[in-house]
Amino acid sequence: MVATSILSTDDEMNAMAGENVNATGWIDANKTAWGLQAEAFLNSFTAFDFSTNVATLNATTKQMLSEYVARYTAMQGLGYNFLGTTSNTITRIETEDRINVHVFRMEKIEKLLTKQTTIDWISKAA
């Protein structure tokens, strides 16, 4: 089984999580739930149902949304158990740094999705 998300793939989620994510929490059911939560947030945040209308989106928009969902999922997986990483070389501080990289990029995407020029561009492409 693989994680099922409308806007992101299991492979994208795994790539964003990187190495040494805690295997206890990094299971398909959790990744699916986290992915769907991220999609619900994006849909509510933008007041547009990307999940339902994914077929009408252009490739660039799909990639941006996929990145967001994969990063959110990775962030949740990394935070699932800070002290339970699969390597003794990864510390809590390093895990927090990895999460912060995701947060930084997700905030950039959120800003883009609130800009009128981006909204207009997505609307025209849909």
PDB file of N, CA and C in Angstrom:
ATOM      1  N   MET A   1       0.838  -1.179   0.000  1.00  0.00           N
ATOM      2  CA  MET A   1       0.000   0.000   0.000  1.00  0.00           C
ATOM      3  C   MET A   1       0.887   1.247   0.000  1.00  0.00           C
ATOM      4  N   VAL A   2       0.403   2.287  -0.603  1.00  0.00           N
ATOM      5  CA  VAL A   2       1.104   3.568  -0.588  1.00  0.00           C
ATOM      6  C   VAL A   2       0.141   4.645  -0.098  1.00  0.00           C
ATOM      7  N   ALA A   3       0.707   5.743   0.344  1.00  0.00           N
ATOM      8  CA  ALA A   3      -0.134   6.860   0.781  1.00  0.00           C
ATOM      9  C   ALA A   3      -0.935   7.372  -0.407  1.00  0.00           C
ATOM     10  N   THR A   4      -2.170   7.708  -0.155  1.00  0.00           N
ATOM     11  CA  THR A   4      -3.022   8.217  -1.226  1.00  0.00           C
ATOM     12  C   THR A   4      -3.446   9.645  -0.896  1.00  0.00           C
ATOM     13  N   SER A   5      -3.014  10.533  -1.734  1.00  0.00           N
ATOM     14  CA  SER A   5      -3.362  11.938  -1.617  1.00  0.00           C
ATOM     15  C   SER A   5      -3.761  12.392  -3.009  1.00  0.00           C
ATOM     16  N   ILE A   6      -4.645  13.359  -3.098  1.00  0.00           N
ATOM     17  CA  ILE A   6      -5.079  13.841  -4.403  1.00  0.00           C
ATOM     18  C   ILE A   6      -4.010  14.724  -5.031  1.00  0.00           C
ATOM     19  N   LEU A   7      -3.365  15.539  -4.219  1.00  0.00           N
ATOM     20  CA  LEU A   7      -2.447  16.538  -4.753  1.00  0.00           C
ATOM     21  C   LEU A   7      -0.975  16.154  -4.688  1.00  0.00           C
ATOM     22  N   SER A   8      -0.629  15.055  -4.029  1.00  0.00           N
ATOM     23  CA  SER A   8       0.775  14.660  -3.912  1.00  0.00           C
ATOM     24  C   SER A   8       0.894  13.145  -3.967  1.00  0.00           C
ATOM     25  N   THR A   9       2.083  12.677  -4.252  1.00  0.00           N
ATOM     26  CA  THR A   9       2.309  11.235  -4.336  1.00  0.00           C
ATOM     27  C   THR A   9       3.116  10.735  -3.143  1.00  0.00           C
ATOM     28  N   ASP A  10       3.056   9.447  -2.937  1.00  0.00           N
ATOM     29  CA  ASP A  10       3.834   8.809  -1.886  1.00  0.00           C
ATOM     30  C   ASP A  10       5.326   9.063  -2.101  1.00  0.00           C
ATOM     31  N   ASP A  11       5.788   8.968  -3.329  1.00  0.00           N
ATOM     32  CA  ASP A  11       7.203   9.200  -3.627  1.00  0.00           C
ATOM     33  C   ASP A  11       7.628  10.624  -3.282  1.00  0.00           C
ATOM     34  N   GLU A  12       6.764  11.600  -3.572  1.00  0.00           N
ATOM     35  CA  GLU A  12       7.084  12.996  -3.248  1.00  0.00           C
ATOM     36  C   GLU A  12       7.141  13.193  -1.731  1.00  0.00           C
ATOM     37  N   MET A  13       6.230  12.563  -1.022  1.00  0.00           N
ATOM     38  CA  MET A  13       6.233  12.654   0.444  1.00  0.00           C
ATOM     39  C   MET A  13       7.511  12.057   1.016  1.00  0.00           C
ATOM     40  N   ASN A  14       7.882  10.881   0.505  1.00  0.00           N
ATOM     41  CA  ASN A  14       9.099  10.221   0.984  1.00  0.00           C
ATOM     42  C   ASN A  14      10.338  11.055   0.701  1.00  0.00           C
ATOM     43  N   ALA A  15      10.397  11.655  -0.470  1.00  0.00           N
ATOM     44  CA  ALA A  15      11.550  12.479  -0.827  1.00  0.00           C
ATOM     45  C   ALA A  15      11.657  13.692   0.091  1.00  0.00           C
ATOM     46  N   MET A  16      10.536  14.316   0.412  1.00  0.00           N
ATOM     47  CA  MET A  16      10.568  15.488   1.293  1.00  0.00           C
ATOM     48  C   MET A  16      10.940  15.111   2.723  1.00  0.00           C
ATOM     49  N   ALA A  17      10.553  13.937   3.165  1.00  0.00           N
ATOM     50  CA  ALA A  17      10.893  13.504   4.524  1.00  0.00           C
ATOM     51  C   ALA A  17      12.384  13.222   4.640  1.00  0.00           C
ATOM     52  N   GLY A  18      12.973  12.755   3.559  1.00  0.00           N
ATOM     53  CA  GLY A  18      14.408  12.473   3.584  1.00  0.00           C
ATOM     54  C   GLY A  18      14.730  11.208   4.356  1.00  0.00           C
ATOM     55  N   GLU A  19      15.989  11.101   4.693  1.00  0.00           N
ATOM     56  CA  GLU A  19      16.463   9.903   5.387  1.00  0.00           C
ATOM     57  C   GLU A  19      16.213  10.005   6.889  1.00  0.00           C
ATOM     58  N   ASN A  20      16.135   8.847   7.511  1.00  0.00           N
ATOM     59  CA  ASN A  20      16.086   8.708   8.962  1.00  0.00           C
ATOM     60  C   ASN A  20      14.811   9.207   9.614  1.00  0.00           C
ATOM     61  N   VAL A  21      13.714   9.300   8.859  1.00  0.00           N
ATOM     62  CA  VAL A  21      12.436   9.626   9.488  1.00  0.00           C
ATOM     63  C   VAL A  21      11.997   8.420  10.321  1.00  0.00           C
ATOM     64  N   ASN A  22      11.357   8.665  11.435  1.00  0.00           N
ATOM     65  CA  ASN A  22      10.963   7.595  12.337  1.00  0.00           C
ATOM     66  C   ASN A  22       9.980   6.647  11.666  1.00  0.00           C
ATOM     67  N   ALA A  23      10.336   5.379  11.580  1.00  0.00           N
ATOM     68  CA  ALA A  23       9.531   4.390  10.867  1.00  0.00           C
ATOM     69  C   ALA A  23       8.209   4.089  11.571  1.00  0.00           C
ATOM     70  N   THR A  24       8.139   4.315  12.866  1.00  0.00           N
ATOM     71  CA  THR A  24       6.901   4.031  13.607  1.00  0.00           C
ATOM     72  C   THR A  24       5.762   4.909  13.114  1.00  0.00           C
ATOM     73  N   GLY A  25       6.033   6.170  12.875  1.00  0.00           N
ATOM     74  CA  GLY A  25       4.988   7.080  12.439  1.00  0.00           C
ATOM     75  C   GLY A  25       4.894   7.238  10.940  1.00  0.00           C
ATOM     76  N   TRP A  26       5.959   6.875  10.238  1.00  0.00           N
ATOM     77  CA  TRP A  26       6.010   7.080   8.784  1.00  0.00           C
ATOM     78  C   TRP A  26       5.371   5.895   8.077  1.00  0.00           C
ATOM     79  N   ILE A  27       4.067   5.757   8.292  1.00  0.00           N
ATOM     80  CA  ILE A  27       3.305   4.659   7.695  1.00  0.00           C
ATOM     81  C   ILE A  27       2.282   5.252   6.732  1.00  0.00           C
ATOM     82  N   ASP A  28       1.817   4.441   5.812  1.00  0.00           N
ATOM     83  CA  ASP A  28       0.919   4.927   4.764  1.00  0.00           C
ATOM     84  C   ASP A  28      -0.349   5.576   5.308  1.00  0.00           C
ATOM     85  N   ALA A  29      -0.923   4.997   6.344  1.00  0.00           N
ATOM     86  CA  ALA A  29      -2.155   5.570   6.900  1.00  0.00           C
ATOM     87  C   ALA A  29      -1.916   6.984   7.420  1.00  0.00           C
ATOM     88  N   ASN A  30      -0.810   7.192   8.110  1.00  0.00           N
ATOM     89  CA  ASN A  30      -0.497   8.532   8.620  1.00  0.00           C
ATOM     90  C   ASN A  30      -0.195   9.493   7.474  1.00  0.00           C
ATOM     91  N   LYS A  31       0.595   9.046   6.503  1.00  0.00           N
ATOM     92  CA  LYS A  31       0.923   9.920   5.372  1.00  0.00           C
ATOM     93  C   LYS A  31      -0.339  10.312   4.609  1.00  0.00           C
ATOM     94  N   THR A  32      -1.254   9.374   4.439  1.00  0.00           N
ATOM     95  CA  THR A  32      -2.520   9.685   3.772  1.00  0.00           C
ATOM     96  C   THR A  32      -3.303  10.724   4.572  1.00  0.00           C
ATOM     97  N   ALA A  33      -3.418  10.509   5.871  1.00  0.00           N
ATOM     98  CA  ALA A  33      -4.160  11.444   6.722  1.00  0.00           C
ATOM     99  C   ALA A  33      -3.519  12.828   6.689  1.00  0.00           C
ATOM    100  N   TRP A  34      -2.202  12.899   6.813  1.00  0.00           N
ATOM    101  CA  TRP A  34      -1.512  14.189   6.806  1.00  0.00           C
ATOM    102  C   TRP A  34      -1.654  14.880   5.452  1.00  0.00           C
ATOM    103  N   GLY A  35      -1.582  14.110   4.384  1.00  0.00           N
ATOM    104  CA  GLY A  35      -1.747  14.684   3.047  1.00  0.00           C
ATOM    105  C   GLY A  35      -3.133  15.269   2.852  1.00  0.00           C
ATOM    106  N   LEU A  36      -4.146  14.550   3.310  1.00  0.00           N
ATOM    107  CA  LEU A  36      -5.516  15.042   3.185  1.00  0.00           C
ATOM    108  C   LEU A  36      -5.752  16.260   4.072  1.00  0.00           C
ATOM    109  N   GLN A  37      -5.111  16.292   5.230  1.00  0.00           N
ATOM    110  CA  GLN A  37      -5.208  17.476   6.092  1.00  0.00           C
ATOM    111  C   GLN A  37      -4.593  18.697   5.404  1.00  0.00           C
ATOM    112  N   ALA A  38      -3.451  18.510   4.777  1.00  0.00           N
ATOM    113  CA  ALA A  38      -2.808  19.617   4.064  1.00  0.00           C
ATOM    114  C   ALA A  38      -3.690  20.102   2.923  1.00  0.00           C
ATOM    115  N   GLU A  39      -4.297  19.183   2.210  1.00  0.00           N
ATOM    116  CA  GLU A  39      -5.198  19.558   1.115  1.00  0.00           C
ATOM    117  C   GLU A  39      -6.404  20.334   1.644  1.00  0.00           C
ATOM    118  N   ALA A  40      -6.971  19.868   2.745  1.00  0.00           N
ATOM    119  CA  ALA A  40      -8.115  20.564   3.334  1.00  0.00           C
ATOM    120  C   ALA A  40      -7.719  21.978   3.750  1.00  0.00           C
ATOM    121  N   PHE A  41      -6.534  22.112   4.309  1.00  0.00           N
ATOM    122  CA  PHE A  41      -6.064  23.451   4.685  1.00  0.00           C
ATOM    123  C   PHE A  41      -5.934  24.342   3.457  1.00  0.00           C
ATOM    124  N   LEU A  42      -5.289  23.841   2.414  1.00  0.00           N
ATOM    125  CA  LEU A  42      -5.124  24.644   1.197  1.00  0.00           C
ATOM    126  C   LEU A  42      -6.473  25.042   0.608  1.00  0.00           C
ATOM    127  N   ASN A  43      -7.393  24.110   0.558  1.00  0.00           N
ATOM    128  CA  ASN A  43      -8.722  24.391   0.012  1.00  0.00           C
ATOM    129  C   ASN A  43      -9.445  25.459   0.844  1.00  0.00           C
ATOM    130  N   SER A  44      -9.344  25.349   2.157  1.00  0.00           N
ATOM    131  CA  SER A  44      -9.998  26.322   3.037  1.00  0.00           C
ATOM    132  C   SER A  44      -9.283  27.663   3.009  1.00  0.00           C
ATOM    133  N   PHE A  45      -7.964  27.616   3.048  1.00  0.00           N
ATOM    134  CA  PHE A  45      -7.136  28.818   3.071  1.00  0.00           C
ATOM    135  C   PHE A  45      -7.367  29.684   1.833  1.00  0.00           C
ATOM    136  N   THR A  46      -7.512  29.040   0.688  1.00  0.00           N
ATOM    137  CA  THR A  46      -7.681  29.767  -0.566  1.00  0.00           C
ATOM    138  C   THR A  46      -9.143  29.924  -0.981  1.00  0.00           C
ATOM    139  N   ALA A  47     -10.038  29.251  -0.282  1.00  0.00           N
ATOM    140  CA  ALA A  47     -11.463  29.237  -0.646  1.00  0.00           C
ATOM    141  C   ALA A  47     -11.662  28.726  -2.069  1.00  0.00           C
ATOM    142  N   PHE A  48     -10.829  27.768  -2.457  1.00  0.00           N
ATOM    143  CA  PHE A  48     -10.953  27.101  -3.755  1.00  0.00           C
ATOM    144  C   PHE A  48     -10.652  25.629  -3.548  1.00  0.00           C
ATOM    145  N   ASP A  49     -11.483  24.758  -4.080  1.00  0.00           N
ATOM    146  CA  ASP A  49     -11.316  23.322  -3.884  1.00  0.00           C
ATOM    147  C   ASP A  49     -10.372  22.749  -4.937  1.00  0.00           C
ATOM    148  N   PHE A  50      -9.077  22.860  -4.659  1.00  0.00           N
ATOM    149  CA  PHE A  50      -8.071  22.315  -5.573  1.00  0.00           C
ATOM    150  C   PHE A  50      -8.231  20.806  -5.723  1.00  0.00           C
ATOM    151  N   SER A  51      -8.556  20.132  -4.639  1.00  0.00           N
ATOM    152  CA  SER A  51      -8.652  18.672  -4.669  1.00  0.00           C
ATOM    153  C   SER A  51      -9.692  18.191  -5.669  1.00  0.00           C
ATOM    154  N   THR A  52     -10.846  18.827  -5.674  1.00  0.00           N
ATOM    155  CA  THR A  52     -11.911  18.444  -6.595  1.00  0.00           C
ATOM    156  C   THR A  52     -11.607  18.882  -8.021  1.00  0.00           C
ATOM    157  N   ASN A  53     -10.949  20.007  -8.158  1.00  0.00           N
ATOM    158  CA  ASN A  53     -10.694  20.593  -9.473  1.00  0.00           C
ATOM    159  C   ASN A  53      -9.288  20.353  -9.999  1.00  0.00           C
ATOM    160  N   VAL A  54      -8.609  19.364  -9.472  1.00  0.00           N
ATOM    161  CA  VAL A  54      -7.208  19.123  -9.848  1.00  0.00           C
ATOM    162  C   VAL A  54      -7.041  18.900 -11.353  1.00  0.00           C
ATOM    163  N   ALA A  55      -8.009  18.290 -11.986  1.00  0.00           N
ATOM    164  CA  ALA A  55      -7.904  18.014 -13.428  1.00  0.00           C
ATOM    165  C   ALA A  55      -7.900  19.288 -14.264  1.00  0.00           C
ATOM    166  N   THR A  56      -8.411  20.374 -13.715  1.00  0.00           N
ATOM    167  CA  THR A  56      -8.482  21.630 -14.470  1.00  0.00           C
ATOM    168  C   THR A  56      -7.251  22.514 -14.255  1.00  0.00           C
ATOM    169  N   LEU A  57      -6.356  22.113 -13.364  1.00  0.00           N
ATOM    170  CA  LEU A  57      -5.198  22.944 -13.037  1.00  0.00           C
ATOM    171  C   LEU A  57      -4.069  22.732 -14.028  1.00  0.00           C
ATOM    172  N   ASN A  58      -3.277  23.777 -14.243  1.00  0.00           N
ATOM    173  CA  ASN A  58      -2.105  23.613 -15.104  1.00  0.00           C
ATOM    174  C   ASN A  58      -0.994  22.906 -14.335  1.00  0.00           C
ATOM    175  N   ALA A  59      -0.005  22.440 -15.051  1.00  0.00           N
ATOM    176  CA  ALA A  59       1.068  21.634 -14.459  1.00  0.00           C
ATOM    177  C   ALA A  59       1.843  22.391 -13.386  1.00  0.00           C
ATOM    178  N   THR A  60       2.075  23.666 -13.591  1.00  0.00           N
ATOM    179  CA  THR A  60       2.840  24.454 -12.621  1.00  0.00           C
ATOM    180  C   THR A  60       2.086  24.562 -11.298  1.00  0.00           C
ATOM    181  N   THR A  61       0.808  24.815 -11.369  1.00  0.00           N
ATOM    182  CA  THR A  61      -0.005  24.905 -10.157  1.00  0.00           C
ATOM    183  C   THR A  61      -0.029  23.566  -9.438  1.00  0.00           C
ATOM    184  N   LYS A  62      -0.190  22.480 -10.186  1.00  0.00           N
ATOM    185  CA  LYS A  62      -0.196  21.149  -9.580  1.00  0.00           C
ATOM    186  C   LYS A  62       1.110  20.875  -8.845  1.00  0.00           C
ATOM    187  N   GLN A  63       2.230  21.269  -9.442  1.00  0.00           N
ATOM    188  CA  GLN A  63       3.528  21.040  -8.810  1.00  0.00           C
ATOM    189  C   GLN A  63       3.671  21.829  -7.520  1.00  0.00           C
ATOM    190  N   MET A  64       3.215  23.074  -7.521  1.00  0.00           N
ATOM    191  CA  MET A  64       3.295  23.903  -6.325  1.00  0.00           C
ATOM    192  C   MET A  64       2.444  23.306  -5.199  1.00  0.00           C
ATOM    193  N   LEU A  65       1.248  22.874  -5.516  1.00  0.00           N
ATOM    194  CA  LEU A  65       0.374  22.282  -4.508  1.00  0.00           C
ATOM    195  C   LEU A  65       0.912  20.943  -4.021  1.00  0.00           C
ATOM    196  N   SER A  66       1.463  20.172  -4.935  1.00  0.00           N
ATOM    197  CA  SER A  66       2.057  18.893  -4.576  1.00  0.00           C
ATOM    198  C   SER A  66       3.231  19.087  -3.623  1.00  0.00           C
ATOM    199  N   GLU A  67       4.046  20.083  -3.924  1.00  0.00           N
ATOM    200  CA  GLU A  67       5.176  20.386  -3.038  1.00  0.00           C
ATOM    201  C   GLU A  67       4.688  20.731  -1.639  1.00  0.00           C
ATOM    202  N   TYR A  68       3.651  21.551  -1.565  1.00  0.00           N
ATOM    203  CA  TYR A  68       3.117  21.960  -0.260  1.00  0.00           C
ATOM    204  C   TYR A  68       2.642  20.745   0.539  1.00  0.00           C
ATOM    205  N   VAL A  69       1.843  19.905  -0.102  1.00  0.00           N
ATOM    206  CA  VAL A  69       1.289  18.731   0.584  1.00  0.00           C
ATOM    207  C   VAL A  69       2.411  17.782   1.000  1.00  0.00           C
ATOM    208  N   ALA A  70       3.373  17.559   0.138  1.00  0.00           N
ATOM    209  CA  ALA A  70       4.489  16.665   0.470  1.00  0.00           C
ATOM    210  C   ALA A  70       5.316  17.232   1.621  1.00  0.00           C
ATOM    211  N   ARG A  71       5.539  18.538   1.615  1.00  0.00           N
ATOM    212  CA  ARG A  71       6.302  19.166   2.705  1.00  0.00           C
ATOM    213  C   ARG A  71       5.543  19.080   4.030  1.00  0.00           C
ATOM    214  N   TYR A  72       4.236  19.321   4.003  1.00  0.00           N
ATOM    215  CA  TYR A  72       3.436  19.227   5.225  1.00  0.00           C
ATOM    216  C   TYR A  72       3.497  17.802   5.776  1.00  0.00           C
ATOM    217  N   THR A  73       3.331  16.839   4.904  1.00  0.00           N
ATOM    218  CA  THR A  73       3.378  15.439   5.316  1.00  0.00           C
ATOM    219  C   THR A  73       4.740  15.096   5.908  1.00  0.00           C
ATOM    220  N   ALA A  74       5.798  15.539   5.250  1.00  0.00           N
ATOM    221  CA  ALA A  74       7.150  15.286   5.748  1.00  0.00           C
ATOM    222  C   ALA A  74       7.355  15.925   7.120  1.00  0.00           C
ATOM    223  N   MET A  75       6.885  17.142   7.265  1.00  0.00           N
ATOM    224  CA  MET A  75       7.021  17.855   8.530  1.00  0.00           C
ATOM    225  C   MET A  75       6.320  17.087   9.653  1.00  0.00           C
ATOM    226  N   GLN A  76       5.121  16.588   9.373  1.00  0.00           N
ATOM    227  CA  GLN A  76       4.395  15.810  10.370  1.00  0.00           C
ATOM    228  C   GLN A  76       5.147  14.518  10.708  1.00  0.00           C
ATOM    229  N   GLY A  77       5.681  13.872   9.687  1.00  0.00           N
ATOM    230  CA  GLY A  77       6.429  12.644   9.917  1.00  0.00           C
ATOM    231  C   GLY A  77       7.688  12.869  10.731  1.00  0.00           C
ATOM    232  N   LEU A  78       8.397  13.947  10.418  1.00  0.00           N
ATOM    233  CA  LEU A  78       9.611  14.266  11.163  1.00  0.00           C
ATOM    234  C   LEU A  78       9.295  14.603  12.616  1.00  0.00           C
ATOM    235  N   GLY A  79       8.166  15.259  12.838  1.00  0.00           N
ATOM    236  CA  GLY A  79       7.785  15.643  14.190  1.00  0.00           C
ATOM    237  C   GLY A  79       7.078  14.550  14.971  1.00  0.00           C
ATOM    238  N   TYR A  80       6.775  13.453  14.335  1.00  0.00           N
ATOM    239  CA  TYR A  80       6.033  12.370  14.977  1.00  0.00           C
ATOM    240  C   TYR A  80       6.736  11.883  16.243  1.00  0.00           C
ATOM    241  N   ASN A  81       8.036  11.716  16.157  1.00  0.00           N
ATOM    242  CA  ASN A  81       8.829  11.281  17.309  1.00  0.00           C
ATOM    243  C   ASN A  81      10.247  11.790  17.120  1.00  0.00           C
ATOM    244  N   PHE A  82      10.519  12.946  17.678  1.00  0.00           N
ATOM    245  CA  PHE A  82      11.833  13.563  17.525  1.00  0.00           C
ATOM    246  C   PHE A  82      12.973  12.661  17.977  1.00  0.00           C
ATOM    247  N   LEU A  83      12.741  11.933  19.026  1.00  0.00           N
ATOM    248  CA  LEU A  83      13.822  11.141  19.593  1.00  0.00           C
ATOM    249  C   LEU A  83      13.879   9.735  19.020  1.00  0.00           C
ATOM    250  N   GLY A  84      12.998   9.431  18.093  1.00  0.00           N
ATOM    251  CA  GLY A  84      12.948   8.076  17.571  1.00  0.00           C
ATOM    252  C   GLY A  84      13.438   7.957  16.145  1.00  0.00           C
ATOM    253  N   THR A  85      14.324   8.846  15.719  1.00  0.00           N
ATOM    254  CA  THR A  85      14.842   8.745  14.363  1.00  0.00           C
ATOM    255  C   THR A  85      15.630   7.453  14.216  1.00  0.00           C
ATOM    256  N   THR A  86      15.790   7.020  12.999  1.00  0.00           N
ATOM    257  CA  THR A  86      16.415   5.716  12.767  1.00  0.00           C
ATOM    258  C   THR A  86      17.936   5.775  12.791  1.00  0.00           C
ATOM    259  N   SER A  87      18.492   6.908  13.086  1.00  0.00           N
ATOM    260  CA  SER A  87      19.939   7.052  13.142  1.00  0.00           C
ATOM    261  C   SER A  87      20.319   7.831  14.384  1.00  0.00           C
ATOM    262  N   ASN A  88      21.324   7.387  15.076  1.00  0.00           N
ATOM    263  CA  ASN A  88      21.792   8.114  16.248  1.00  0.00           C
ATOM    264  C   ASN A  88      22.518   9.395  15.871  1.00  0.00           C
ATOM    265  N   THR A  89      22.803   9.564  14.592  1.00  0.00           N
ATOM    266  CA  THR A  89      23.524  10.758  14.157  1.00  0.00           C
ATOM    267  C   THR A  89      22.596  11.938  13.932  1.00  0.00           C
ATOM    268  N   ILE A  90      21.296  11.713  13.885  1.00  0.00           N
ATOM    269  CA  ILE A  90      20.328  12.788  13.680  1.00  0.00           C
ATOM    270  C   ILE A  90      19.789  13.206  15.042  1.00  0.00           C
ATOM    271  N   THR A  91      20.020  14.433  15.417  1.00  0.00           N
ATOM    272  CA  THR A  91      19.578  14.917  16.718  1.00  0.00           C
ATOM    273  C   THR A  91      18.242  15.628  16.604  1.00  0.00           C
ATOM    274  N   ARG A  92      17.677  15.935  17.747  1.00  0.00           N
ATOM    275  CA  ARG A  92      16.426  16.683  17.779  1.00  0.00           C
ATOM    276  C   ARG A  92      16.602  18.038  17.098  1.00  0.00           C
ATOM    277  N   ILE A  93      17.712  18.706  17.356  1.00  0.00           N
ATOM    278  CA  ILE A  93      17.962  20.018  16.754  1.00  0.00           C
ATOM    279  C   ILE A  93      18.038  19.902  15.234  1.00  0.00           C
ATOM    280  N   GLU A  94      18.711  18.880  14.743  1.00  0.00           N
ATOM    281  CA  GLU A  94      18.785  18.679  13.290  1.00  0.00           C
ATOM    282  C   GLU A  94      17.399  18.383  12.704  1.00  0.00           C
ATOM    283  N   THR A  95      16.604  17.631  13.428  1.00  0.00           N
ATOM    284  CA  THR A  95      15.238  17.346  12.967  1.00  0.00           C
ATOM    285  C   THR A  95      14.419  18.632  12.935  1.00  0.00           C
ATOM    286  N   GLU A  96      14.553  19.460  13.957  1.00  0.00           N
ATOM    287  CA  GLU A  96      13.855  20.746  13.974  1.00  0.00           C
ATOM    288  C   GLU A  96      14.305  21.623  12.805  1.00  0.00           C
ATOM    289  N   ASP A  97      15.589  21.603  12.495  1.00  0.00           N
ATOM    290  CA  ASP A  97      16.094  22.367  11.343  1.00  0.00           C
ATOM    291  C   ASP A  97      15.452  21.886  10.050  1.00  0.00           C
ATOM    292  N   ARG A  98      15.319  20.579   9.914  1.00  0.00           N
ATOM    293  CA  ARG A  98      14.689  20.027   8.710  1.00  0.00           C
ATOM    294  C   ARG A  98      13.230  20.469   8.617  1.00  0.00           C
ATOM    295  N   ILE A  99      12.534  20.467   9.749  1.00  0.00           N
ATOM    296  CA  ILE A  99      11.145  20.926   9.768  1.00  0.00           C
ATOM    297  C   ILE A  99      11.075  22.404   9.392  1.00  0.00           C
ATOM    298  N   ASN A 100      11.979  23.198   9.921  1.00  0.00           N
ATOM    299  CA  ASN A 100      11.981  24.635   9.633  1.00  0.00           C
ATOM    300  C   ASN A 100      12.167  24.928   8.154  1.00  0.00           C
ATOM    301  N   VAL A 101      12.945  24.125   7.463  1.00  0.00           N
ATOM    302  CA  VAL A 101      13.108  24.293   6.012  1.00  0.00           C
ATOM    303  C   VAL A 101      11.760  24.117   5.328  1.00  0.00           C
ATOM    304  N   HIS A 102      11.000  23.115   5.749  1.00  0.00           N
ATOM    305  CA  HIS A 102       9.670  22.890   5.174  1.00  0.00           C
ATOM    306  C   HIS A 102       8.727  24.048   5.495  1.00  0.00           C
ATOM    307  N   VAL A 103       8.741  24.500   6.739  1.00  0.00           N
ATOM    308  CA  VAL A 103       7.860  25.601   7.144  1.00  0.00           C
ATOM    309  C   VAL A 103       8.160  26.851   6.319  1.00  0.00           C
ATOM    310  N   PHE A 104       9.433  27.153   6.150  1.00  0.00           N
ATOM    311  CA  PHE A 104       9.828  28.338   5.381  1.00  0.00           C
ATOM    312  C   PHE A 104       9.263  28.287   3.966  1.00  0.00           C
ATOM    313  N   ARG A 105       9.430  27.167   3.309  1.00  0.00           N
ATOM    314  CA  ARG A 105       8.954  27.045   1.932  1.00  0.00           C
ATOM    315  C   ARG A 105       7.423  27.035   1.875  1.00  0.00           C
ATOM    316  N   MET A 106       6.773  26.382   2.828  1.00  0.00           N
ATOM    317  CA  MET A 106       5.314  26.343   2.848  1.00  0.00           C
ATOM    318  C   MET A 106       4.746  27.749   3.031  1.00  0.00           C
ATOM    319  N   GLU A 107       5.391  28.560   3.857  1.00  0.00           N
ATOM    320  CA  GLU A 107       4.944  29.945   4.030  1.00  0.00           C
ATOM    321  C   GLU A 107       5.079  30.734   2.738  1.00  0.00           C
ATOM    322  N   LYS A 108       6.125  30.479   1.970  1.00  0.00           N
ATOM    323  CA  LYS A 108       6.291  31.142   0.672  1.00  0.00           C
ATOM    324  C   LYS A 108       5.153  30.768  -0.273  1.00  0.00           C
ATOM    325  N   ILE A 109       4.798  29.495  -0.283  1.00  0.00           N
ATOM    326  CA  ILE A 109       3.700  29.036  -1.139  1.00  0.00           C
ATOM    327  C   ILE A 109       2.385  29.665  -0.689  1.00  0.00           C
ATOM    328  N   GLU A 110       2.154  29.730   0.622  1.00  0.00           N
ATOM    329  CA  GLU A 110       0.934  30.363   1.132  1.00  0.00           C
ATOM    330  C   GLU A 110       0.860  31.827   0.697  1.00  0.00           C
ATOM    331  N   LYS A 111       1.977  32.530   0.753  1.00  0.00           N
ATOM    332  CA  LYS A 111       1.991  33.933   0.309  1.00  0.00           C
ATOM    333  C   LYS A 111       1.649  34.039  -1.166  1.00  0.00           C
ATOM    334  N   LEU A 112       2.214  33.144  -1.958  1.00  0.00           N
ATOM    335  CA  LEU A 112       1.893  33.142  -3.391  1.00  0.00           C
ATOM    336  C   LEU A 112       0.409  32.929  -3.631  1.00  0.00           C
ATOM    337  N   LEU A 113      -0.173  32.021  -2.878  1.00  0.00           N
ATOM    338  CA  LEU A 113      -1.585  31.685  -3.077  1.00  0.00           C
ATOM    339  C   LEU A 113      -2.536  32.786  -2.622  1.00  0.00           C
ATOM    340  N   THR A 114      -2.028  33.782  -1.919  1.00  0.00           N
ATOM    341  CA  THR A 114      -2.877  34.912  -1.514  1.00  0.00           C
ATOM    342  C   THR A 114      -2.675  36.135  -2.401  1.00  0.00           C
ATOM    343  N   LYS A 115      -1.696  36.096  -3.270  1.00  0.00           N
ATOM    344  CA  LYS A 115      -1.462  37.232  -4.173  1.00  0.00           C
ATOM    345  C   LYS A 115      -2.510  37.230  -5.290  1.00  0.00           C
ATOM    346  N   GLN A 116      -3.080  38.365  -5.546  1.00  0.00           N
ATOM    347  CA  GLN A 116      -4.121  38.454  -6.562  1.00  0.00           C
ATOM    348  C   GLN A 116      -3.612  38.032  -7.940  1.00  0.00           C
ATOM    349  N   THR A 117      -2.371  38.363  -8.247  1.00  0.00           N
ATOM    350  CA  THR A 117      -1.832  37.971  -9.556  1.00  0.00           C
ATOM    351  C   THR A 117      -1.751  36.456  -9.691  1.00  0.00           C
ATOM    352  N   THR A 118      -1.409  35.775  -8.613  1.00  0.00           N
ATOM    353  CA  THR A 118      -1.366  34.312  -8.644  1.00  0.00           C
ATOM    354  C   THR A 118      -2.765  33.735  -8.766  1.00  0.00           C
ATOM    355  N   ILE A 119      -3.696  34.291  -8.015  1.00  0.00           N
ATOM    356  CA  ILE A 119      -5.089  33.833  -8.074  1.00  0.00           C
ATOM    357  C   ILE A 119      -5.639  33.997  -9.491  1.00  0.00           C
ATOM    358  N   ASP A 120      -5.386  35.148 -10.088  1.00  0.00           N
ATOM    359  CA  ASP A 120      -5.838  35.387 -11.459  1.00  0.00           C
ATOM    360  C   ASP A 120      -5.202  34.405 -12.420  1.00  0.00           C
ATOM    361  N   TRP A 121      -3.921  34.174 -12.263  1.00  0.00           N
ATOM    362  CA  TRP A 121      -3.194  33.258 -13.150  1.00  0.00           C
ATOM    363  C   TRP A 121      -3.744  31.828 -13.045  1.00  0.00           C
ATOM    364  N   ILE A 122      -3.985  31.368 -11.817  1.00  0.00           N
ATOM    365  CA  ILE A 122      -4.539  30.023 -11.616  1.00  0.00           C
ATOM    366  C   ILE A 122      -5.949  29.942 -12.209  1.00  0.00           C
ATOM    367  N   SER A 123      -6.738  30.988 -11.998  1.00  0.00           N
ATOM    368  CA  SER A 123      -8.111  31.006 -12.526  1.00  0.00           C
ATOM    369  C   SER A 123      -8.151  30.941 -14.033  1.00  0.00           C
ATOM    370  N   LYS A 124      -7.236  31.656 -14.669  1.00  0.00           N
ATOM    371  CA  LYS A 124      -7.204  31.653 -16.139  1.00  0.00           C
ATOM    372  C   LYS A 124      -6.781  30.292 -16.677  1.00  0.00           C
ATOM    373  N   ALA A 125      -5.905  29.625 -15.946  1.00  0.00           N
ATOM    374  CA  ALA A 125      -5.417  28.325 -16.406  1.00  0.00           C
ATOM    375  C   ALA A 125      -6.446  27.224 -16.173  1.00  0.00           C
ATOM    376  N   ALA A 126      -7.334  27.430 -15.212  1.00  0.00           N
ATOM    377  CA  ALA A 126      -8.320  26.383 -14.868  1.00  0.00           C
ATOM    378  C   ALA A 126      -9.455  26.356 -15.877  1.00  0.00           C
TER     379      ALA A 126
END
